Amino acid sequence: MIPAPVLMTAEDLLARPVPYRRTELVNGRLMVREPAGWTHGDIAARIMGALTVHLRVQQRESGEPTPHGRLLAAETGFALQRNPDTVRAPDVAFVRWERCPSEPPA
């Protein structure tokens, strides 16, 4: 009988980074990938730029002093599920102000 794999937690992932690799946690299992390539980086940068422009237009049109939330770049980890833990790092992320933490988490 094959033993069940030991599952990692989000805290384990934070405490044991894998140098020079992109890592995520999916249902407690570590996913390790090579760094992104040129085309991937170009597309992610274009998406970030387009979202930045979109948020500025919304801000101008609404008259609000700030955009509707924060944009975060690649490799920002988001804990999406607990027990087993899932931590994903999207290429570009938008978080509405009401969901933003008061202090930046690790």
PDB file of N, CA and C in Angstrom:
ATOM      1  N   MET A   1       0.845  -1.177   0.000  1.00  0.00           N
ATOM      2  CA  MET A   1       0.000   0.000   0.000  1.00  0.00           C
ATOM      3  C   MET A   1       0.896   1.248   0.000  1.00  0.00           C
ATOM      4  N   ILE A   2       0.571   2.189  -0.854  1.00  0.00           N
ATOM      5  CA  ILE A   2       1.343   3.432  -0.958  1.00  0.00           C
ATOM      6  C   ILE A   2       0.846   4.401   0.107  1.00  0.00           C
ATOM      7  N   PRO A   3       1.772   4.962   0.911  1.00  0.00           N
ATOM      8  CA  PRO A   3       1.332   5.902   1.946  1.00  0.00           C
ATOM      9  C   PRO A   3       0.804   7.194   1.324  1.00  0.00           C
ATOM     10  N   ALA A   4      -0.129   7.808   1.995  1.00  0.00           N
ATOM     11  CA  ALA A   4      -0.692   9.078   1.532  1.00  0.00           C
ATOM     12  C   ALA A   4       0.391  10.153   1.581  1.00  0.00           C
ATOM     13  N   PRO A   5       0.428  11.036   0.594  1.00  0.00           N
ATOM     14  CA  PRO A   5       1.453  12.090   0.609  1.00  0.00           C
ATOM     15  C   PRO A   5       1.225  13.049   1.773  1.00  0.00           C
ATOM     16  N   VAL A   6       2.328  13.581   2.281  1.00  0.00           N
ATOM     17  CA  VAL A   6       2.245  14.585   3.341  1.00  0.00           C
ATOM     18  C   VAL A   6       1.859  15.906   2.693  1.00  0.00           C
ATOM     19  N   LEU A   7       0.797  16.501   3.179  1.00  0.00           N
ATOM     20  CA  LEU A   7       0.316  17.749   2.600  1.00  0.00           C
ATOM     21  C   LEU A   7       0.980  18.936   3.286  1.00  0.00           C
ATOM     22  N   MET A   8       1.270  19.967   2.499  1.00  0.00           N
ATOM     23  CA  MET A   8       1.856  21.198   3.024  1.00  0.00           C
ATOM     24  C   MET A   8       0.747  22.183   3.372  1.00  0.00           C
ATOM     25  N   THR A   9       1.076  23.114   4.229  1.00  0.00           N
ATOM     26  CA  THR A   9       0.177  24.222   4.537  1.00  0.00           C
ATOM     27  C   THR A   9       0.731  25.489   3.891  1.00  0.00           C
ATOM     28  N   ALA A  10      -0.065  26.540   3.883  1.00  0.00           N
ATOM     29  CA  ALA A  10       0.398  27.827   3.369  1.00  0.00           C
ATOM     30  C   ALA A  10       1.595  28.310   4.177  1.00  0.00           C
ATOM     31  N   GLU A  11       1.591  28.056   5.470  1.00  0.00           N
ATOM     32  CA  GLU A  11       2.701  28.461   6.336  1.00  0.00           C
ATOM     33  C   GLU A  11       3.979  27.685   5.991  1.00  0.00           C
ATOM     34  N   ASP A  12       3.841  26.393   5.655  1.00  0.00           N
ATOM     35  CA  ASP A  12       4.993  25.596   5.212  1.00  0.00           C
ATOM     36  C   ASP A  12       5.590  26.186   3.938  1.00  0.00           C
ATOM     37  N   LEU A  13       4.742  26.555   2.999  1.00  0.00           N
ATOM     38  CA  LEU A  13       5.191  27.132   1.732  1.00  0.00           C
ATOM     39  C   LEU A  13       5.947  28.427   1.974  1.00  0.00           C
ATOM     40  N   LEU A  14       5.446  29.256   2.866  1.00  0.00           N
ATOM     41  CA  LEU A  14       6.093  30.532   3.181  1.00  0.00           C
ATOM     42  C   LEU A  14       7.440  30.312   3.860  1.00  0.00           C
ATOM     43  N   ALA A  15       7.525  29.299   4.712  1.00  0.00           N
ATOM     44  CA  ALA A  15       8.753  29.035   5.469  1.00  0.00           C
ATOM     45  C   ALA A  15       9.834  28.337   4.640  1.00  0.00           C
ATOM     46  N   ARG A  16       9.435  27.664   3.559  1.00  0.00           N
ATOM     47  CA  ARG A  16      10.399  26.896   2.760  1.00  0.00           C
ATOM     48  C   ARG A  16      10.322  27.277   1.286  1.00  0.00           C
ATOM     49  N   PRO A  17      10.773  28.485   0.933  1.00  0.00           N
ATOM     50  CA  PRO A  17      10.711  28.877  -0.477  1.00  0.00           C
ATOM     51  C   PRO A  17      11.661  28.031  -1.330  1.00  0.00           C
ATOM     52  N   VAL A  18      11.315  27.864  -2.585  1.00  0.00           N
ATOM     53  CA  VAL A  18      12.151  27.140  -3.541  1.00  0.00           C
ATOM     54  C   VAL A  18      12.824  28.196  -4.418  1.00  0.00           C
ATOM     55  N   PRO A  19      14.149  28.371  -4.301  1.00  0.00           N
ATOM     56  CA  PRO A  19      14.830  29.428  -5.054  1.00  0.00           C
ATOM     57  C   PRO A  19      14.699  29.256  -6.566  1.00  0.00           C
ATOM     58  N   TYR A  20      14.507  30.364  -7.237  1.00  0.00           N
ATOM     59  CA  TYR A  20      14.489  30.431  -8.704  1.00  0.00           C
ATOM     60  C   TYR A  20      13.384  29.604  -9.348  1.00  0.00           C
ATOM     61  N   ARG A  21      12.340  29.367  -8.641  1.00  0.00           N
ATOM     62  CA  ARG A  21      11.199  28.620  -9.184  1.00  0.00           C
ATOM     63  C   ARG A  21       9.909  29.315  -8.785  1.00  0.00           C
ATOM     64  N   ARG A  22       8.891  29.117  -9.592  1.00  0.00           N
ATOM     65  CA  ARG A  22       7.552  29.602  -9.259  1.00  0.00           C
ATOM     66  C   ARG A  22       6.852  28.469  -8.518  1.00  0.00           C
ATOM     67  N   THR A  23       6.312  28.758  -7.357  1.00  0.00           N
ATOM     68  CA  THR A  23       5.646  27.709  -6.576  1.00  0.00           C
ATOM     69  C   THR A  23       4.223  28.118  -6.234  1.00  0.00           C
ATOM     70  N   GLU A  24       3.366  27.140  -6.172  1.00  0.00           N
ATOM     71  CA  GLU A  24       1.996  27.299  -5.712  1.00  0.00           C
ATOM     72  C   GLU A  24       1.658  26.046  -4.912  1.00  0.00           C
ATOM     73  N   LEU A  25       0.601  26.141  -4.168  1.00  0.00           N
ATOM     74  CA  LEU A  25       0.117  25.011  -3.389  1.00  0.00           C
ATOM     75  C   LEU A  25      -1.290  24.698  -3.874  1.00  0.00           C
ATOM     76  N   VAL A  26      -1.532  23.469  -4.269  1.00  0.00           N
ATOM     77  CA  VAL A  26      -2.848  23.067  -4.765  1.00  0.00           C
ATOM     78  C   VAL A  26      -3.320  21.882  -3.938  1.00  0.00           C
ATOM     79  N   ASN A  27      -4.347  22.120  -3.149  1.00  0.00           N
ATOM     80  CA  ASN A  27      -4.879  21.084  -2.255  1.00  0.00           C
ATOM     81  C   ASN A  27      -3.772  20.442  -1.421  1.00  0.00           C
ATOM     82  N   GLY A  28      -2.874  21.295  -0.911  1.00  0.00           N
ATOM     83  CA  GLY A  28      -1.818  20.826  -0.041  1.00  0.00           C
ATOM     84  C   GLY A  28      -0.591  20.264  -0.740  1.00  0.00           C
ATOM     85  N   ARG A  29      -0.642  20.185  -2.057  1.00  0.00           N
ATOM     86  CA  ARG A  29       0.491  19.629  -2.824  1.00  0.00           C
ATOM     87  C   ARG A  29       1.281  20.758  -3.480  1.00  0.00           C
ATOM     88  N   LEU A  30       2.602  20.691  -3.322  1.00  0.00           N
ATOM     89  CA  LEU A  30       3.488  21.710  -3.872  1.00  0.00           C
ATOM     90  C   LEU A  30       3.591  21.563  -5.383  1.00  0.00           C
ATOM     91  N   MET A  31       3.392  22.670  -6.091  1.00  0.00           N
ATOM     92  CA  MET A  31       3.546  22.719  -7.546  1.00  0.00           C
ATOM     93  C   MET A  31       4.753  23.615  -7.826  1.00  0.00           C
ATOM     94  N   VAL A  32       5.760  23.079  -8.496  1.00  0.00           N
ATOM     95  CA  VAL A  32       6.982  23.823  -8.792  1.00  0.00           C
ATOM     96  C   VAL A  32       7.091  23.972 -10.303  1.00  0.00           C
ATOM     97  N   ARG A  33       7.339  25.205 -10.748  1.00  0.00           N
ATOM     98  CA  ARG A  33       7.443  25.479 -12.179  1.00  0.00           C
ATOM     99  C   ARG A  33       8.698  26.290 -12.463  1.00  0.00           C
ATOM    100  N   GLU A  34       9.127  26.235 -13.696  1.00  0.00           N
ATOM    101  CA  GLU A  34      10.247  27.063 -14.137  1.00  0.00           C
ATOM    102  C   GLU A  34       9.802  28.528 -14.158  1.00  0.00           C
ATOM    103  N   PRO A  35      10.751  29.464 -14.108  1.00  0.00           N
ATOM    104  CA  PRO A  35      10.376  30.874 -14.250  1.00  0.00           C
ATOM    105  C   PRO A  35       9.658  31.106 -15.584  1.00  0.00           C
ATOM    106  N   ALA A  36       8.791  32.095 -15.605  1.00  0.00           N
ATOM    107  CA  ALA A  36       8.037  32.406 -16.818  1.00  0.00           C
ATOM    108  C   ALA A  36       8.969  32.905 -17.913  1.00  0.00           C
ATOM    109  N   GLY A  37       8.569  32.718 -19.160  1.00  0.00           N
ATOM    110  CA  GLY A  37       9.361  33.147 -20.307  1.00  0.00           C
ATOM    111  C   GLY A  37       9.000  34.549 -20.778  1.00  0.00           C
ATOM    112  N   TRP A  38       9.677  34.973 -21.823  1.00  0.00           N
ATOM    113  CA  TRP A  38       9.539  36.321 -22.388  1.00  0.00           C
ATOM    114  C   TRP A  38       8.090  36.624 -22.784  1.00  0.00           C
ATOM    115  N   THR A  39       7.487  35.748 -23.573  1.00  0.00           N
ATOM    116  CA  THR A  39       6.123  35.992 -24.057  1.00  0.00           C
ATOM    117  C   THR A  39       5.151  36.090 -22.891  1.00  0.00           C
ATOM    118  N   HIS A  40       5.283  35.204 -21.948  1.00  0.00           N
ATOM    119  CA  HIS A  40       4.425  35.223 -20.757  1.00  0.00           C
ATOM    120  C   HIS A  40       4.553  36.567 -20.033  1.00  0.00           C
ATOM    121  N   GLY A  41       5.798  37.021 -19.817  1.00  0.00           N
ATOM    122  CA  GLY A  41       6.028  38.299 -19.147  1.00  0.00           C
ATOM    123  C   GLY A  41       5.463  39.467 -19.921  1.00  0.00           C
ATOM    124  N   ASP A  42       5.575  39.424 -21.241  1.00  0.00           N
ATOM    125  CA  ASP A  42       5.038  40.489 -22.084  1.00  0.00           C
ATOM    126  C   ASP A  42       3.521  40.575 -21.974  1.00  0.00           C
ATOM    127  N   ILE A  43       2.862  39.430 -22.041  1.00  0.00           N
ATOM    128  CA  ILE A  43       1.399  39.410 -21.948  1.00  0.00           C
ATOM    129  C   ILE A  43       0.935  39.872 -20.569  1.00  0.00           C
ATOM    130  N   ALA A  44       1.585  39.396 -19.511  1.00  0.00           N
ATOM    131  CA  ALA A  44       1.213  39.808 -18.152  1.00  0.00           C
ATOM    132  C   ALA A  44       1.392  41.318 -17.977  1.00  0.00           C
ATOM    133  N   ALA A  45       2.470  41.884 -18.533  1.00  0.00           N
ATOM    134  CA  ALA A  45       2.699  43.325 -18.438  1.00  0.00           C
ATOM    135  C   ALA A  45       1.614  44.102 -19.181  1.00  0.00           C
ATOM    136  N   ARG A  46       1.207  43.609 -20.333  1.00  0.00           N
ATOM    137  CA  ARG A  46       0.139  44.282 -21.102  1.00  0.00           C
ATOM    138  C   ARG A  46      -1.196  44.244 -20.342  1.00  0.00           C
ATOM    139  N   ILE A  47      -1.475  43.110 -19.721  1.00  0.00           N
ATOM    140  CA  ILE A  47      -2.710  43.002 -18.931  1.00  0.00           C
ATOM    141  C   ILE A  47      -2.668  43.987 -17.763  1.00  0.00           C
ATOM    142  N   MET A  48      -1.540  44.044 -17.051  1.00  0.00           N
ATOM    143  CA  MET A  48      -1.392  44.979 -15.928  1.00  0.00           C
ATOM    144  C   MET A  48      -1.578  46.420 -16.417  1.00  0.00           C
ATOM    145  N   GLY A  49      -0.977  46.752 -17.552  1.00  0.00           N
ATOM    146  CA  GLY A  49      -1.112  48.100 -18.096  1.00  0.00           C
ATOM    147  C   GLY A  49      -2.551  48.432 -18.456  1.00  0.00           C
ATOM    148  N   ALA A  50      -3.235  47.493 -19.115  1.00  0.00           N
ATOM    149  CA  ALA A  50      -4.631  47.722 -19.507  1.00  0.00           C
ATOM    150  C   ALA A  50      -5.522  47.891 -18.278  1.00  0.00           C
ATOM    151  N   LEU A  51      -5.298  47.082 -17.251  1.00  0.00           N
ATOM    152  CA  LEU A  51      -6.098  47.210 -16.028  1.00  0.00           C
ATOM    153  C   LEU A  51      -5.810  48.532 -15.309  1.00  0.00           C
ATOM    154  N   THR A  52      -4.566  48.977 -15.332  1.00  0.00           N
ATOM    155  CA  THR A  52      -4.209  50.259 -14.718  1.00  0.00           C
ATOM    156  C   THR A  52      -4.960  51.390 -15.407  1.00  0.00           C
ATOM    157  N   VAL A  53      -4.957  51.393 -16.733  1.00  0.00           N
ATOM    158  CA  VAL A  53      -5.678  52.423 -17.496  1.00  0.00           C
ATOM    159  C   VAL A  53      -7.166  52.340 -17.190  1.00  0.00           C
ATOM    160  N   HIS A  54      -7.722  51.139 -17.176  1.00  0.00           N
ATOM    161  CA  HIS A  54      -9.155  50.959 -16.905  1.00  0.00           C
ATOM    162  C   HIS A  54      -9.527  51.531 -15.528  1.00  0.00           C
ATOM    163  N   LEU A  55      -8.726  51.237 -14.520  1.00  0.00           N
ATOM    164  CA  LEU A  55      -9.026  51.743 -13.172  1.00  0.00           C
ATOM    165  C   LEU A  55      -8.922  53.261 -13.110  1.00  0.00           C
ATOM    166  N   ARG A  56      -7.965  53.847 -13.813  1.00  0.00           N
ATOM    167  CA  ARG A  56      -7.842  55.313 -13.830  1.00  0.00           C
ATOM    168  C   ARG A  56      -9.036  55.960 -14.519  1.00  0.00           C
ATOM    169  N   VAL A  57      -9.522  55.355 -15.602  1.00  0.00           N
ATOM    170  CA  VAL A  57     -10.701  55.880 -16.292  1.00  0.00           C
ATOM    171  C   VAL A  57     -11.911  55.790 -15.367  1.00  0.00           C
ATOM    172  N   GLN A  58     -12.079  54.653 -14.689  1.00  0.00           N
ATOM    173  CA  GLN A  58     -13.193  54.506 -13.735  1.00  0.00           C
ATOM    174  C   GLN A  58     -13.110  55.559 -12.642  1.00  0.00           C
ATOM    175  N   GLN A  59     -11.909  55.795 -12.150  1.00  0.00           N
ATOM    176  CA  GLN A  59     -11.708  56.786 -11.085  1.00  0.00           C
ATOM    177  C   GLN A  59     -12.120  58.170 -11.578  1.00  0.00           C
ATOM    178  N   ARG A  60     -11.657  58.531 -12.775  1.00  0.00           N
ATOM    179  CA  ARG A  60     -11.985  59.841 -13.333  1.00  0.00           C
ATOM    180  C   ARG A  60     -13.492  59.996 -13.537  1.00  0.00           C
ATOM    181  N   GLU A  61     -14.124  58.969 -14.080  1.00  0.00           N
ATOM    182  CA  GLU A  61     -15.552  59.025 -14.375  1.00  0.00           C
ATOM    183  C   GLU A  61     -16.409  59.051 -13.114  1.00  0.00           C
ATOM    184  N   SER A  62     -15.967  58.370 -12.069  1.00  0.00           N
ATOM    185  CA  SER A  62     -16.764  58.304 -10.844  1.00  0.00           C
ATOM    186  C   SER A  62     -16.515  59.492  -9.930  1.00  0.00           C
ATOM    187  N   GLY A  63     -15.393  60.183 -10.131  1.00  0.00           N
ATOM    188  CA  GLY A  63     -15.045  61.303  -9.264  1.00  0.00           C
ATOM    189  C   GLY A  63     -14.493  60.879  -7.922  1.00  0.00           C
ATOM    190  N   GLU A  64     -14.259  59.586  -7.740  1.00  0.00           N
ATOM    191  CA  GLU A  64     -13.710  59.093  -6.477  1.00  0.00           C
ATOM    192  C   GLU A  64     -12.227  59.442  -6.386  1.00  0.00           C
ATOM    193  N   PRO A  65     -11.723  59.662  -5.161  1.00  0.00           N
ATOM    194  CA  PRO A  65     -10.309  60.032  -5.017  1.00  0.00           C
ATOM    195  C   PRO A  65      -9.332  58.891  -5.286  1.00  0.00           C
ATOM    196  N   THR A  66      -9.789  57.646  -5.182  1.00  0.00           N
ATOM    197  CA  THR A  66      -8.901  56.506  -5.420  1.00  0.00           C
ATOM    198  C   THR A  66      -9.601  55.496  -6.311  1.00  0.00           C
ATOM    199  N   PRO A  67      -8.824  54.649  -6.991  1.00  0.00           N
ATOM    200  CA  PRO A  67      -9.448  53.576  -7.784  1.00  0.00           C
ATOM    201  C   PRO A  67     -10.226  52.617  -6.875  1.00  0.00           C
ATOM    202  N   HIS A  68     -10.852  51.668  -7.459  1.00  0.00           N
ATOM    203  CA  HIS A  68     -11.729  50.751  -6.723  1.00  0.00           C
ATOM    204  C   HIS A  68     -10.994  49.665  -5.955  1.00  0.00           C
ATOM    205  N   GLY A  69      -9.691  49.588  -6.102  1.00  0.00           N
ATOM    206  CA  GLY A  69      -8.940  48.556  -5.408  1.00  0.00           C
ATOM    207  C   GLY A  69      -7.473  48.615  -5.762  1.00  0.00           C
ATOM    208  N   ARG A  70      -6.775  47.523  -5.491  1.00  0.00           N
ATOM    209  CA  ARG A  70      -5.331  47.443  -5.728  1.00  0.00           C
ATOM    210  C   ARG A  70      -5.025  46.419  -6.803  1.00  0.00           C
ATOM    211  N   LEU A  71      -4.040  46.729  -7.630  1.00  0.00           N
ATOM    212  CA  LEU A  71      -3.491  45.771  -8.573  1.00  0.00           C
ATOM    213  C   LEU A  71      -2.200  45.229  -7.972  1.00  0.00           C
ATOM    214  N   LEU A  72      -2.000  43.947  -8.091  1.00  0.00           N
ATOM    215  CA  LEU A  72      -0.786  43.313  -7.587  1.00  0.00           C
ATOM    216  C   LEU A  72      -0.144  42.514  -8.714  1.00  0.00           C
ATOM    217  N   ALA A  73       1.177  42.518  -8.726  1.00  0.00           N
ATOM    218  CA  ALA A  73       1.928  41.847  -9.790  1.00  0.00           C
ATOM    219  C   ALA A  73       2.099  40.364  -9.508  1.00  0.00           C
ATOM    220  N   ALA A  74       2.684  39.697 -10.476  1.00  0.00           N
ATOM    221  CA  ALA A  74       2.918  38.255 -10.412  1.00  0.00           C
ATOM    222  C   ALA A  74       3.673  37.859  -9.156  1.00  0.00           C
ATOM    223  N   GLU A  75       3.469  36.623  -8.779  1.00  0.00           N
ATOM    224  CA  GLU A  75       4.128  36.007  -7.629  1.00  0.00           C
ATOM    225  C   GLU A  75       3.572  36.467  -6.288  1.00  0.00           C
ATOM    226  N   THR A  76       2.507  37.233  -6.284  1.00  0.00           N
ATOM    227  CA  THR A  76       1.823  37.555  -5.034  1.00  0.00           C
ATOM    228  C   THR A  76       0.931  36.368  -4.707  1.00  0.00           C
ATOM    229  N   GLY A  77       1.169  35.737  -3.577  1.00  0.00           N
ATOM    230  CA  GLY A  77       0.416  34.547  -3.219  1.00  0.00           C
ATOM    231  C   GLY A  77      -0.911  34.877  -2.557  1.00  0.00           C
ATOM    232  N   PHE A  78      -1.932  34.137  -2.935  1.00  0.00           N
ATOM    233  CA  PHE A  78      -3.264  34.287  -2.353  1.00  0.00           C
ATOM    234  C   PHE A  78      -3.714  32.947  -1.792  1.00  0.00           C
ATOM    235  N   ALA A  79      -3.993  32.908  -0.501  1.00  0.00           N
ATOM    236  CA  ALA A  79      -4.531  31.690   0.111  1.00  0.00           C
ATOM    237  C   ALA A  79      -6.007  31.615  -0.259  1.00  0.00           C
ATOM    238  N   LEU A  80      -6.372  30.636  -1.054  1.00  0.00           N
ATOM    239  CA  LEU A  80      -7.741  30.510  -1.558  1.00  0.00           C
ATOM    240  C   LEU A  80      -8.565  29.471  -0.816  1.00  0.00           C
ATOM    241  N   GLN A  81      -7.879  28.551  -0.151  1.00  0.00           N
ATOM    242  CA  GLN A  81      -8.590  27.463   0.517  1.00  0.00           C
ATOM    243  C   GLN A  81      -7.721  26.964   1.665  1.00  0.00           C
ATOM    244  N   ARG A  82      -8.378  26.474   2.703  1.00  0.00           N
ATOM    245  CA  ARG A  82      -7.672  25.882   3.847  1.00  0.00           C
ATOM    246  C   ARG A  82      -8.103  24.439   4.043  1.00  0.00           C
ATOM    247  N   ASN A  83      -7.140  23.628   4.501  1.00  0.00           N
ATOM    248  CA  ASN A  83      -7.373  22.251   4.943  1.00  0.00           C
ATOM    249  C   ASN A  83      -8.034  21.352   3.899  1.00  0.00           C
ATOM    250  N   PRO A  84      -7.366  20.965   2.840  1.00  0.00           N
ATOM    251  CA  PRO A  84      -5.978  21.253   2.508  1.00  0.00           C
ATOM    252  C   PRO A  84      -5.844  22.645   1.887  1.00  0.00           C
ATOM    253  N   ASP A  85      -4.658  23.224   2.078  1.00  0.00           N
ATOM    254  CA  ASP A  85      -4.419  24.596   1.639  1.00  0.00           C
ATOM    255  C   ASP A  85      -4.173  24.687   0.135  1.00  0.00           C
ATOM    256  N   THR A  86      -4.683  25.765  -0.432  1.00  0.00           N
ATOM    257  CA  THR A  86      -4.391  26.118  -1.820  1.00  0.00           C
ATOM    258  C   THR A  86      -3.925  27.563  -1.824  1.00  0.00           C
ATOM    259  N   VAL A  87      -2.730  27.784  -2.357  1.00  0.00           N
ATOM    260  CA  VAL A  87      -2.155  29.117  -2.489  1.00  0.00           C
ATOM    261  C   VAL A  87      -1.782  29.286  -3.951  1.00  0.00           C
ATOM    262  N   ARG A  88      -2.387  30.260  -4.612  1.00  0.00           N
ATOM    263  CA  ARG A  88      -2.123  30.516  -6.025  1.00  0.00           C
ATOM    264  C   ARG A  88      -1.445  31.873  -6.178  1.00  0.00           C
ATOM    265  N   ALA A  89      -0.658  32.005  -7.252  1.00  0.00           N
ATOM    266  CA  ALA A  89       0.052  33.251  -7.544  1.00  0.00           C
ATOM    267  C   ALA A  89      -0.272  33.666  -8.976  1.00  0.00           C
ATOM    268  N   PRO A  90      -1.356  34.418  -9.160  1.00  0.00           N
ATOM    269  CA  PRO A  90      -1.723  34.813 -10.522  1.00  0.00           C
ATOM    270  C   PRO A  90      -0.718  35.813 -11.101  1.00  0.00           C
ATOM    271  N   ASP A  91      -0.708  35.925 -12.408  1.00  0.00           N
ATOM    272  CA  ASP A  91       0.204  36.858 -13.068  1.00  0.00           C
ATOM    273  C   ASP A  91      -0.149  38.301 -12.750  1.00  0.00           C
ATOM    274  N   VAL A  92      -1.431  38.579 -12.644  1.00  0.00           N
ATOM    275  CA  VAL A  92      -1.942  39.906 -12.290  1.00  0.00           C
ATOM    276  C   VAL A  92      -3.163  39.683 -11.413  1.00  0.00           C
ATOM    277  N   ALA A  93      -3.280  40.465 -10.353  1.00  0.00           N
ATOM    278  CA  ALA A  93      -4.444  40.317  -9.468  1.00  0.00           C
ATOM    279  C   ALA A  93      -5.040  41.687  -9.153  1.00  0.00           C
ATOM    280  N   PHE A  94      -6.348  41.724  -9.017  1.00  0.00           N
ATOM    281  CA  PHE A  94      -7.064  42.919  -8.578  1.00  0.00           C
ATOM    282  C   PHE A  94      -7.802  42.548  -7.296  1.00  0.00           C
ATOM    283  N   VAL A  95      -7.646  43.392  -6.268  1.00  0.00           N
ATOM    284  CA  VAL A  95      -8.335  43.176  -4.991  1.00  0.00           C
ATOM    285  C   VAL A  95      -9.099  44.444  -4.658  1.00  0.00           C
ATOM    286  N   ARG A  96     -10.416  44.312  -4.490  1.00  0.00           N
ATOM    287  CA  ARG A  96     -11.245  45.473  -4.134  1.00  0.00           C
ATOM    288  C   ARG A  96     -10.813  46.005  -2.773  1.00  0.00           C
ATOM    289  N   TRP A  97     -10.954  47.323  -2.556  1.00  0.00           N
ATOM    290  CA  TRP A  97     -10.518  47.954  -1.308  1.00  0.00           C
ATOM    291  C   TRP A  97     -11.074  47.260  -0.082  1.00  0.00           C
ATOM    292  N   GLU A  98     -12.354  46.894  -0.110  1.00  0.00           N
ATOM    293  CA  GLU A  98     -12.965  46.295   1.085  1.00  0.00           C
ATOM    294  C   GLU A  98     -12.396  44.910   1.398  1.00  0.00           C
ATOM    295  N   ARG A  99     -11.676  44.298   0.456  1.00  0.00           N
ATOM    296  CA  ARG A  99     -11.055  42.993   0.695  1.00  0.00           C
ATOM    297  C   ARG A  99      -9.575  43.101   0.989  1.00  0.00           C
ATOM    298  N   CYS A 100      -9.013  44.317   0.858  1.00  0.00           N
ATOM    299  CA  CYS A 100      -7.586  44.509   1.109  1.00  0.00           C
ATOM    300  C   CYS A 100      -7.314  44.475   2.619  1.00  0.00           C
ATOM    301  N   PRO A 101      -6.237  43.813   3.024  1.00  0.00           N
ATOM    302  CA  PRO A 101      -5.898  43.775   4.441  1.00  0.00           C
ATOM    303  C   PRO A 101      -5.401  45.144   4.910  1.00  0.00           C
ATOM    304  N   SER A 102      -5.622  45.455   6.168  1.00  0.00           N
ATOM    305  CA  SER A 102      -5.146  46.750   6.704  1.00  0.00           C
ATOM    306  C   SER A 102      -3.633  46.782   6.786  1.00  0.00           C
ATOM    307  N   GLU A 103      -3.010  45.642   7.051  1.00  0.00           N
ATOM    308  CA  GLU A 103      -1.548  45.505   7.052  1.00  0.00           C
ATOM    309  C   GLU A 103      -1.159  44.504   5.977  1.00  0.00           C
ATOM    310  N   PRO A 104      -0.133  44.790   5.174  1.00  0.00           N
ATOM    311  CA  PRO A 104       0.262  43.816   4.141  1.00  0.00           C
ATOM    312  C   PRO A 104       0.688  42.489   4.768  1.00  0.00           C
ATOM    313  N   PRO A 105       0.069  41.377   4.354  1.00  0.00           N
ATOM    314  CA  PRO A 105       0.443  40.074   4.907  1.00  0.00           C
ATOM    315  C   PRO A 105       1.750  39.579   4.295  1.00  0.00           C
ATOM    316  N   ALA A 106       2.359  38.602   4.965  1.00  0.00           N
ATOM    317  CA  ALA A 106       3.569  37.978   4.403  1.00  0.00           C
ATOM    318  C   ALA A 106       3.160  37.144   3.206  1.00  0.00           C
TER     319      ALA A 106
END
